[in-house]
Amino acid sequence: MFTFKTLFLTLWMLLLATAAVADENYATAADIKPGRFQIYLQSNEMLANLNQVGRFWDKLLGLQQACQEQYAIKPVNLIILAPVVFPDAAQYPTAGIWRVQFEYNRCKDLKTYNAIFTAKDGGTPELLPAIPGYSDASPALALDAMRAVTPQVQAQLGKAGAKDCKQIYPFDARMTPTAVARPRDQSWQEKWTFQGCGKQVVFLMTFNPQAPDGNFFSGTPLH
């Protein structure tokens, strides 16, 4: 005869048996269901990683270095760049690349930063900072674009009073209103702010990943 205790233990064992085969595979953020990947994304470990990226950019950009208040970290968006595979027996995903966009609030100053995670066959995912702000360019495309426009940025910084500046960093990226509403397969534009040697300049970046001639991006200074 079942008692409440034996019934509870039976149901608990059935739940464990069901969970034991719950491998997780996600191609997009919309595919994510309640499970271990979602728990991992909301974990203290993840928040610590985001804080690491936030402090990295703050130091590089010279922001809030004297702030002694507690920092607030709020993830606001997740983009899966390569399908995530999270087997039941693994501690971390064994495959996949994902980007976490988060708000970093400290001493009443808010910045939006991005962190990219690359799965390492079940080990701790590799963590890399991505361009601050709201860019829709892939990490590889954004890096190529930054490298390509660096001479133009240096020239504009020189006009602004920072002659021969070598330390140039992306400060912010914002998609134009028409870029936000565009179909996914079309070209788009973003406003990128670069910082160097105490000065800032803004460029209008045009992206076209499908360009048949290989001109996937261009940058034009805004005065």
Protein backbone atom coordinates (compact mmCIF):
# COMPACT_ATOMS: atom_id res chain seq x y z
CA MET A 1 0.00 0.00 0.00
CA PHE A 2 1.33 3.45 -0.97
CA THR A 3 1.96 5.95 1.78
CA PHE A 4 2.43 9.62 1.11
CA LYS A 5 6.18 9.17 1.62
CA THR A 6 6.51 6.32 -0.88
CA LEU A 7 4.30 8.14 -3.39
CA PHE A 8 6.48 11.25 -3.11
CA LEU A 9 9.69 9.22 -3.56
CA THR A 10 8.20 7.40 -6.56
CA LEU A 11 7.21 10.66 -8.26
CA TRP A 12 10.63 12.14 -7.48
CA MET A 13 12.42 9.16 -9.04
CA LEU A 14 10.24 9.45 -12.15
CA LEU A 15 11.12 13.13 -12.41
CA LEU A 16 14.84 12.36 -12.14
CA ALA A 17 14.54 9.65 -14.76
CA THR A 18 12.86 12.09 -17.14
CA ALA A 19 15.43 14.80 -16.50
CA ALA A 20 18.30 12.36 -17.05
CA VAL A 21 17.65 12.26 -20.79
CA ALA A 22 17.02 15.98 -21.18
CA ASP A 23 19.89 16.97 -23.49
CA GLU A 24 19.45 20.57 -24.63
CA ASN A 25 20.01 21.85 -28.19
CA TYR A 26 19.23 25.43 -29.16
CA ALA A 27 19.66 27.12 -32.53
CA THR A 28 18.14 30.47 -31.52
CA ALA A 29 17.29 32.26 -28.30
CA ALA A 30 13.59 31.71 -29.03
CA ASP A 31 14.18 27.94 -28.81
CA ILE A 32 15.39 28.06 -25.20
CA LYS A 33 13.16 26.24 -22.72
CA PRO A 34 13.38 25.98 -18.93
CA GLY A 35 16.41 23.85 -18.22
CA ARG A 36 20.08 23.86 -17.28
CA PHE A 37 21.18 26.31 -19.97
CA GLN A 38 18.63 28.83 -18.76
CA ILE A 39 19.75 28.23 -15.16
CA TYR A 40 23.35 28.75 -16.23
CA LEU A 41 22.47 32.02 -17.98
CA GLN A 42 20.89 33.27 -14.74
CA SER A 43 23.64 31.99 -12.42
CA ASN A 44 26.00 33.99 -10.22
CA GLU A 45 28.84 32.66 -12.37
CA MET A 46 27.30 34.31 -15.42
CA LEU A 47 26.83 37.60 -13.56
CA ALA A 48 30.47 37.46 -12.47
CA ASN A 49 31.52 36.99 -16.09
CA LEU A 50 29.42 39.96 -17.20
CA ASN A 51 30.88 42.06 -14.41
CA GLN A 52 34.35 41.11 -15.63
CA VAL A 53 33.51 42.38 -19.12
CA GLY A 54 31.95 45.55 -17.68
CA ARG A 55 35.02 46.35 -15.62
CA PHE A 56 37.26 45.62 -18.60
CA TRP A 57 35.47 48.20 -20.77
CA ASP A 58 35.14 50.72 -17.95
CA LYS A 59 38.89 50.63 -17.35
CA LEU A 60 39.72 50.79 -21.06
CA LEU A 61 37.36 53.74 -21.62
CA GLY A 62 38.22 55.50 -18.36
CA LEU A 63 34.67 55.30 -16.99
CA GLN A 64 33.65 55.32 -13.32
CA GLN A 65 37.09 54.35 -12.01
CA ALA A 66 36.40 56.01 -8.65
CA CYS A 67 32.94 54.50 -8.19
CA GLN A 68 32.58 52.78 -4.80
CA GLU A 69 28.88 51.90 -5.04
CA GLN A 70 27.54 48.43 -5.75
CA TYR A 71 27.23 47.73 -9.48
CA ALA A 72 23.93 46.56 -10.97
CA ILE A 73 24.07 44.11 -13.88
CA LYS A 74 20.96 43.44 -15.95
CA PRO A 75 21.05 41.08 -18.97
CA VAL A 76 18.74 42.50 -21.65
CA ASN A 77 19.29 40.33 -24.73
CA LEU A 78 20.68 36.98 -25.81
CA ILE A 79 21.76 36.07 -29.33
CA ILE A 80 22.89 32.56 -30.24
CA LEU A 81 25.63 32.91 -32.86
CA ALA A 82 26.24 29.16 -33.25
CA PRO A 83 23.92 26.35 -32.06
CA VAL A 84 24.26 25.51 -28.38
CA VAL A 85 24.57 21.87 -27.35
CA PHE A 86 24.25 21.11 -23.62
CA PRO A 87 24.31 17.33 -22.95
CA ASP A 88 22.76 16.12 -19.74
CA ALA A 89 26.05 14.84 -18.31
CA ALA A 90 28.06 18.01 -19.04
CA GLN A 91 28.70 20.84 -16.60
CA TYR A 92 28.78 23.41 -19.41
CA PRO A 93 27.65 23.44 -23.05
CA THR A 94 29.89 21.33 -25.29
CA ALA A 95 29.26 23.44 -28.40
CA GLY A 96 27.89 26.84 -29.30
CA ILE A 97 28.59 30.56 -29.29
CA TRP A 98 26.27 33.09 -27.69
CA ARG A 99 26.30 36.81 -26.97
CA VAL A 100 24.82 38.35 -23.83
CA GLN A 101 23.95 42.03 -23.96
CA PHE A 102 23.67 43.65 -20.55
CA GLU A 103 23.12 46.99 -18.85
CA TYR A 104 25.91 48.01 -16.51
CA ASN A 105 24.75 50.56 -13.94
CA ARG A 106 27.20 52.13 -11.53
CA CYS A 107 27.17 55.48 -9.74
CA LYS A 108 24.04 56.53 -11.67
CA ASP A 109 25.77 55.97 -15.02
CA LEU A 110 24.40 53.33 -17.40
CA LYS A 111 26.34 51.66 -20.22
CA THR A 112 25.35 48.75 -22.43
CA TYR A 113 28.03 46.14 -22.94
CA ASN A 114 28.26 42.78 -24.69
CA ALA A 115 29.96 39.54 -23.77
CA ILE A 116 30.60 36.63 -26.13
CA PHE A 117 30.81 33.07 -24.81
CA THR A 118 32.31 30.19 -26.80
CA ALA A 119 31.73 26.62 -25.58
CA LYS A 120 34.89 24.58 -25.01
CA ASP A 121 33.82 20.92 -25.25
CA GLY A 122 32.16 20.94 -21.84
CA GLY A 123 34.78 23.04 -20.08
CA THR A 124 34.37 26.61 -18.87
CA PRO A 125 33.25 28.70 -21.89
CA GLU A 126 35.72 31.20 -23.29
CA LEU A 127 34.75 34.78 -22.47
CA LEU A 128 35.42 37.73 -24.78
CA PRO A 129 34.24 41.37 -24.67
CA ALA A 130 32.38 42.61 -27.77
CA ILE A 131 31.79 46.14 -29.04
CA PRO A 132 29.73 48.19 -26.56
CA GLY A 133 26.20 49.25 -27.39
CA TYR A 134 23.65 47.91 -29.84
CA SER A 135 25.38 46.66 -32.96
CA ASP A 136 23.82 44.01 -35.17
CA ALA A 137 27.13 43.13 -36.83
CA SER A 138 28.55 39.69 -36.13
CA PRO A 139 31.73 39.64 -33.99
CA ALA A 140 33.91 38.87 -37.02
CA LEU A 141 32.27 41.55 -39.16
CA ALA A 142 32.54 44.15 -36.39
CA LEU A 143 36.23 43.37 -35.85
CA ASP A 144 37.00 43.62 -39.56
CA ALA A 145 35.10 46.91 -39.78
CA MET A 146 36.95 48.41 -36.81
CA ARG A 147 40.31 47.46 -38.28
CA ALA A 148 39.40 48.86 -41.69
CA VAL A 149 38.21 52.28 -40.48
CA THR A 150 41.03 52.82 -37.97
CA PRO A 151 43.03 55.09 -40.33
CA GLN A 152 39.93 57.22 -40.95
CA VAL A 153 39.22 57.37 -37.22
CA GLN A 154 42.80 58.44 -36.53
CA ALA A 155 42.46 61.20 -39.10
CA GLN A 156 39.21 62.47 -37.54
CA LEU A 157 40.68 62.33 -34.04
CA GLY A 158 43.60 64.39 -35.34
CA LYS A 159 41.17 67.04 -36.56
CA ALA A 160 39.55 66.99 -33.11
CA GLY A 161 42.89 67.68 -31.42
CA ALA A 162 44.19 64.15 -30.79
CA LYS A 163 46.99 64.02 -33.34
CA ASP A 164 48.81 60.72 -33.93
CA CYS A 165 46.51 58.91 -31.50
CA LYS A 166 47.26 55.17 -31.36
CA GLN A 167 44.96 54.01 -28.57
CA ILE A 168 41.53 53.91 -30.18
CA TYR A 169 38.56 52.02 -28.77
CA PRO A 170 34.88 51.57 -29.70
CA PHE A 171 32.85 53.54 -27.17
CA ASP A 172 29.29 52.87 -28.36
CA ALA A 173 27.22 51.55 -31.27
CA ARG A 174 23.62 52.39 -32.12
CA MET A 175 21.48 51.09 -34.96
CA THR A 176 19.62 53.69 -36.99
CA PRO A 177 15.79 53.54 -36.84
CA THR A 178 15.58 52.20 -40.39
CA ALA A 179 18.16 49.53 -39.54
CA VAL A 180 16.03 48.24 -36.67
CA ALA A 181 13.00 47.80 -38.93
CA ARG A 182 14.81 46.31 -41.93
CA PRO A 183 14.43 42.74 -43.22
CA ARG A 184 17.23 40.57 -41.87
CA ASP A 185 18.86 39.92 -45.24
CA GLN A 186 19.30 43.56 -46.22
CA SER A 187 22.12 46.03 -45.58
CA TRP A 188 21.86 48.42 -42.65
CA GLN A 189 23.56 51.37 -40.96
CA GLU A 190 24.77 52.06 -37.44
CA LYS A 191 26.33 55.03 -35.68
CA TRP A 192 29.60 54.08 -34.02
CA THR A 193 31.38 56.31 -31.52
CA PHE A 194 35.15 55.88 -31.24
CA GLN A 195 37.25 57.19 -28.37
CA GLY A 196 40.94 57.96 -28.39
CA CYS A 197 43.33 60.17 -26.46
CA GLY A 198 40.53 62.02 -24.68
CA LYS A 199 38.48 62.74 -27.83
CA GLN A 200 35.48 61.11 -29.48
CA VAL A 201 34.37 60.92 -33.12
CA VAL A 202 31.24 59.40 -34.66
CA PHE A 203 31.07 57.34 -37.86
CA LEU A 204 28.12 56.15 -39.88
CA MET A 205 28.86 52.49 -40.53
CA THR A 206 27.15 50.70 -43.43
CA PHE A 207 27.04 46.89 -43.38
CA ASN A 208 26.18 44.58 -46.26
CA PRO A 209 27.24 40.99 -45.43
CA GLN A 210 25.71 39.72 -48.69
CA ALA A 211 27.62 42.11 -50.97
CA PRO A 212 28.73 40.16 -54.07
CA ASP A 213 31.74 42.43 -54.57
CA GLY A 214 33.12 41.76 -51.08
CA ASN A 215 32.49 45.30 -49.80
CA PHE A 216 30.80 44.15 -46.63
CA PHE A 217 31.17 47.44 -44.74
CA SER A 218 32.19 51.09 -45.03
CA GLY A 219 32.54 54.01 -42.65
CA THR A 220 31.80 57.70 -43.12
CA PRO A 221 32.66 60.34 -40.48
CA LEU A 222 29.79 62.43 -39.20
CA HIS A 223 30.54 66.11 -38.51
